[in-house]
Protein backbone atom coordinates (compact mmCIF):
# COMPACT_ATOMS: atom_id res chain seq x y z
CA MET A 1 -10.31 5.00 -20.61
CA LYS A 2 -8.58 4.57 -23.95
CA GLU A 3 -5.05 3.39 -24.63
CA ARG A 4 -2.88 4.69 -27.48
CA PRO A 5 0.76 4.29 -28.58
CA ILE A 6 3.27 7.14 -28.40
CA LEU A 7 6.85 7.24 -29.74
CA PHE A 8 9.79 8.37 -27.62
CA SER A 9 13.51 8.58 -28.39
CA GLY A 10 16.01 6.66 -26.28
CA LYS A 11 17.02 9.76 -24.31
CA MET A 12 13.41 10.51 -23.46
CA VAL A 13 12.72 6.89 -22.49
CA ARG A 14 15.66 7.09 -20.06
CA ALA A 15 14.26 10.36 -18.66
CA ILE A 16 10.84 8.69 -18.13
CA LEU A 17 12.44 5.67 -16.44
CA ASP A 18 14.50 8.00 -14.20
CA GLY A 19 11.36 9.96 -13.26
CA ARG A 20 12.73 13.17 -14.86
CA LYS A 21 10.18 13.38 -17.69
CA THR A 22 6.51 13.94 -16.85
CA THR A 23 5.45 16.05 -19.85
CA THR A 24 5.70 15.89 -23.62
CA ARG A 25 4.91 18.44 -26.32
CA ARG A 26 3.51 17.30 -29.66
CA ILE A 27 2.50 19.31 -32.72
CA VAL A 28 -1.16 20.29 -33.14
CA LYS A 29 -2.20 19.11 -36.62
CA PRO A 30 -3.32 20.89 -38.63
CA GLN A 31 -1.79 24.08 -37.29
CA PRO A 32 -4.32 26.87 -36.71
CA ASP A 33 -3.84 30.19 -38.46
CA ARG A 34 -1.03 32.24 -36.85
CA SER A 35 -3.56 34.85 -35.68
CA PHE A 36 -5.68 32.17 -33.98
CA THR A 37 -6.05 32.61 -30.22
CA TRP A 38 -6.79 29.24 -28.68
CA THR A 39 -8.56 30.48 -25.57
CA ALA A 40 -10.76 32.92 -27.50
CA HIS A 41 -12.53 30.19 -29.49
CA LYS A 42 -15.19 28.13 -27.71
CA GLN A 43 -15.40 25.70 -30.62
CA CYS A 44 -11.69 24.84 -30.55
CA GLU A 45 -12.25 21.67 -28.49
CA ALA A 46 -14.63 20.35 -31.13
CA GLU A 47 -12.32 21.34 -33.99
CA TYR A 48 -9.10 20.16 -32.36
CA LYS A 49 -9.18 16.95 -30.36
CA CYS A 50 -5.91 15.73 -28.91
CA PRO A 51 -4.97 12.54 -30.80
CA TYR A 52 -3.11 11.28 -27.73
CA GLY A 53 -6.20 11.32 -25.50
CA GLN A 54 -7.39 13.18 -22.46
CA ALA A 55 -6.86 13.03 -18.71
CA GLY A 56 -7.37 9.46 -17.50
CA ASP A 57 -6.41 7.84 -20.82
CA ARG A 58 -3.22 5.81 -21.11
CA LEU A 59 -0.27 5.86 -23.48
CA TRP A 60 1.98 2.89 -24.10
CA VAL A 61 5.51 3.82 -25.08
CA ARG A 62 6.99 2.65 -28.34
CA GLU A 63 10.79 2.54 -28.25
CA THR A 64 13.60 0.93 -30.24
CA TRP A 65 13.91 -2.71 -29.15
CA ALA A 66 14.96 -6.26 -30.01
CA GLY A 67 14.02 -9.76 -28.96
CA LEU A 68 16.29 -12.62 -28.02
CA SER A 69 15.47 -16.29 -27.59
CA HIS A 70 17.46 -19.04 -25.92
CA ASN A 71 18.90 -21.77 -28.14
CA TYR A 72 19.22 -24.88 -25.98
CA GLU A 73 21.46 -26.71 -28.44
CA SER A 74 24.19 -24.08 -28.34
CA ASP A 75 23.21 -22.68 -24.92
CA SER A 76 23.24 -19.18 -26.39
CA TRP A 77 20.87 -16.31 -27.06
CA GLU A 78 19.80 -15.65 -30.65
CA GLN A 79 18.04 -12.63 -32.03
CA TRP A 80 14.50 -12.94 -33.35
CA GLU A 81 13.69 -11.66 -36.75
CA PRO A 82 10.92 -9.05 -36.51
CA SER A 83 8.71 -11.09 -38.85
CA TYR A 84 8.75 -13.98 -36.35
CA LEU A 85 7.83 -11.97 -33.27
CA LYS A 86 4.87 -13.44 -31.45
CA GLU A 87 3.36 -12.71 -28.08
CA SER A 88 3.60 -16.25 -26.76
CA LEU A 89 6.70 -18.22 -27.53
CA ASP A 90 7.44 -21.82 -26.65
CA PHE A 91 10.91 -21.02 -25.34
CA PRO A 92 12.43 -18.58 -22.87
CA ASN A 93 12.74 -15.13 -24.35
CA GLN A 94 14.12 -11.76 -23.46
CA LEU A 95 13.32 -8.29 -24.70
CA ILE A 96 16.03 -5.68 -24.76
CA TYR A 97 15.70 -1.95 -25.31
CA ARG A 98 18.14 0.37 -27.01
CA ALA A 99 17.56 3.06 -24.37
CA ASP A 100 19.26 0.74 -21.85
CA GLY A 101 22.50 0.68 -23.84
CA GLU A 102 23.88 0.44 -27.33
CA ASN A 103 25.03 -2.90 -28.72
CA GLU A 104 26.46 -2.98 -32.24
CA LEU A 105 25.77 -6.73 -32.51
CA ILE A 106 22.02 -6.21 -32.20
CA LYS A 107 19.82 -5.49 -35.17
CA TRP A 108 17.36 -3.09 -33.53
CA THR A 109 13.69 -2.97 -34.43
CA PRO A 110 12.54 0.65 -34.92
CA SER A 111 10.14 2.02 -32.31
CA ILE A 112 7.34 2.45 -34.87
CA HIS A 113 7.24 -1.37 -35.19
CA MET A 114 6.95 -2.09 -31.47
CA LEU A 115 3.96 -4.24 -30.65
CA ARG A 116 1.82 -3.47 -27.60
CA TRP A 117 2.84 -6.60 -25.70
CA ALA A 118 6.52 -5.66 -26.00
CA SER A 119 6.09 -2.22 -24.42
CA ARG A 120 7.51 -1.91 -20.92
CA ILE A 121 6.22 1.59 -20.13
CA THR A 122 2.61 2.69 -19.67
CA LEU A 123 1.73 6.30 -18.88
CA GLU A 124 -1.50 7.80 -17.58
CA ILE A 125 -2.38 11.25 -18.93
CA THR A 126 -3.00 13.69 -16.07
CA ASN A 127 -3.57 16.88 -18.10
CA VAL A 128 -3.76 18.10 -21.70
CA ARG A 129 -3.57 21.71 -22.83
CA VAL A 130 -2.52 23.71 -25.87
CA GLU A 131 0.04 26.49 -26.01
CA ARG A 132 2.58 28.03 -28.35
CA LEU A 133 5.92 26.22 -28.27
CA GLN A 134 7.92 29.23 -27.07
CA GLU A 135 5.63 29.67 -24.04
CA ILE A 136 7.53 26.85 -22.31
CA THR A 137 8.95 27.89 -18.94
CA GLU A 138 12.16 26.76 -17.29
CA GLU A 139 10.11 24.49 -14.98
CA ASP A 140 8.20 23.08 -17.98
CA ALA A 141 11.51 22.29 -19.70
CA ILE A 142 12.69 20.42 -16.62
CA ASN A 143 9.42 18.41 -16.69
CA GLU A 144 10.25 17.59 -20.33
CA GLY A 145 13.35 15.77 -19.07
CA CYS A 146 15.75 18.59 -19.91
CA GLY A 147 18.10 19.81 -17.22
CA ILE A 148 20.83 22.36 -16.92
CA GLN A 149 23.66 21.28 -19.20
CA LEU A 150 27.38 21.88 -18.96
CA LEU A 151 29.04 23.28 -22.07
CA CYS A 152 32.63 22.13 -22.33
CA PRO A 153 35.43 23.14 -22.33
CA ASP A 154 34.65 26.59 -20.87
CA ASP A 155 32.55 25.25 -17.98
CA GLU A 156 29.60 27.34 -19.11
CA TYR A 157 26.05 26.21 -18.41
CA PHE A 158 22.87 26.62 -20.38
CA LYS A 159 19.39 26.43 -18.92
CA ALA A 160 16.82 23.65 -19.27
CA LYS A 161 14.74 25.78 -21.68
CA GLU A 162 17.77 26.18 -23.97
CA HIS A 163 18.37 22.43 -23.73
CA PHE A 164 14.73 21.81 -24.69
CA CYS A 165 15.07 24.16 -27.69
CA ILE A 166 18.07 22.14 -28.94
CA LEU A 167 16.16 18.88 -28.40
CA TRP A 168 13.10 20.25 -30.23
CA GLU A 169 15.22 21.33 -33.20
CA SER A 170 16.86 17.89 -33.42
CA ILE A 171 13.46 16.16 -33.59
CA ASN A 172 11.09 18.66 -35.23
CA GLY A 173 13.34 21.38 -36.65
CA LYS A 174 12.89 20.61 -40.34
CA LYS A 175 9.11 20.89 -40.42
CA TYR A 176 8.30 22.85 -37.24
CA PRO A 177 11.39 24.84 -36.19
CA TRP A 178 11.52 26.58 -32.82
CA SER A 179 11.40 29.96 -34.60
CA SER A 180 7.98 29.14 -36.16
CA ASN A 181 6.50 28.92 -32.63
CA PRO A 182 3.82 26.34 -33.53
CA PHE A 183 0.85 25.36 -31.40
CA VAL A 184 1.63 22.22 -29.41
CA TRP A 185 -0.27 19.76 -27.27
CA VAL A 186 1.20 19.80 -23.77
CA ILE A 187 0.55 16.35 -22.34
CA SER A 188 1.37 15.75 -18.67
CA PHE A 189 1.54 12.17 -17.44
CA ARG A 190 2.53 9.83 -14.66
CA ARG A 191 4.17 6.46 -15.13
CA VAL A 192 1.87 3.55 -14.30
CA ILE A 193 4.12 0.68 -15.41
């Protein structure tokens, strides 16, 4: 069993914590030729190995965070500077996560700089497969943490798949837009911690 980091946005962290997100889609790099048929090539597993792991491996979630320490002299909490973050501190400390709520007084540390010991979420991979992005079903989109959304003010709804498309565009749209229908790793997981 191997353990690797994986980045998630605040919305997706909340979906994982709520039990609404059990799947993630990530770009296959490099992208195969557009005419490539994944299932028709026996050698594809050797050529393309999922960088996130395989069933049984674990992922630790990197998310935007900050650390606070207690100052006994002023009986207040002070923010750590990222350069001073250490696993064992000689004073009471508290980690806070942006996904739990915004706070304009906090200088957040970007998720890419999260250290393993600060991660509060560990996932176990249950399945890995490859498909084209637009093959996602309504049920798959729900497993991605996307639900039916209300469009205001007309009280119109759009489906989970449409919600996922909007989410995909906001994260990957510049390099891998929905319309390009790239190959993606479909990674299913369960939360361990």
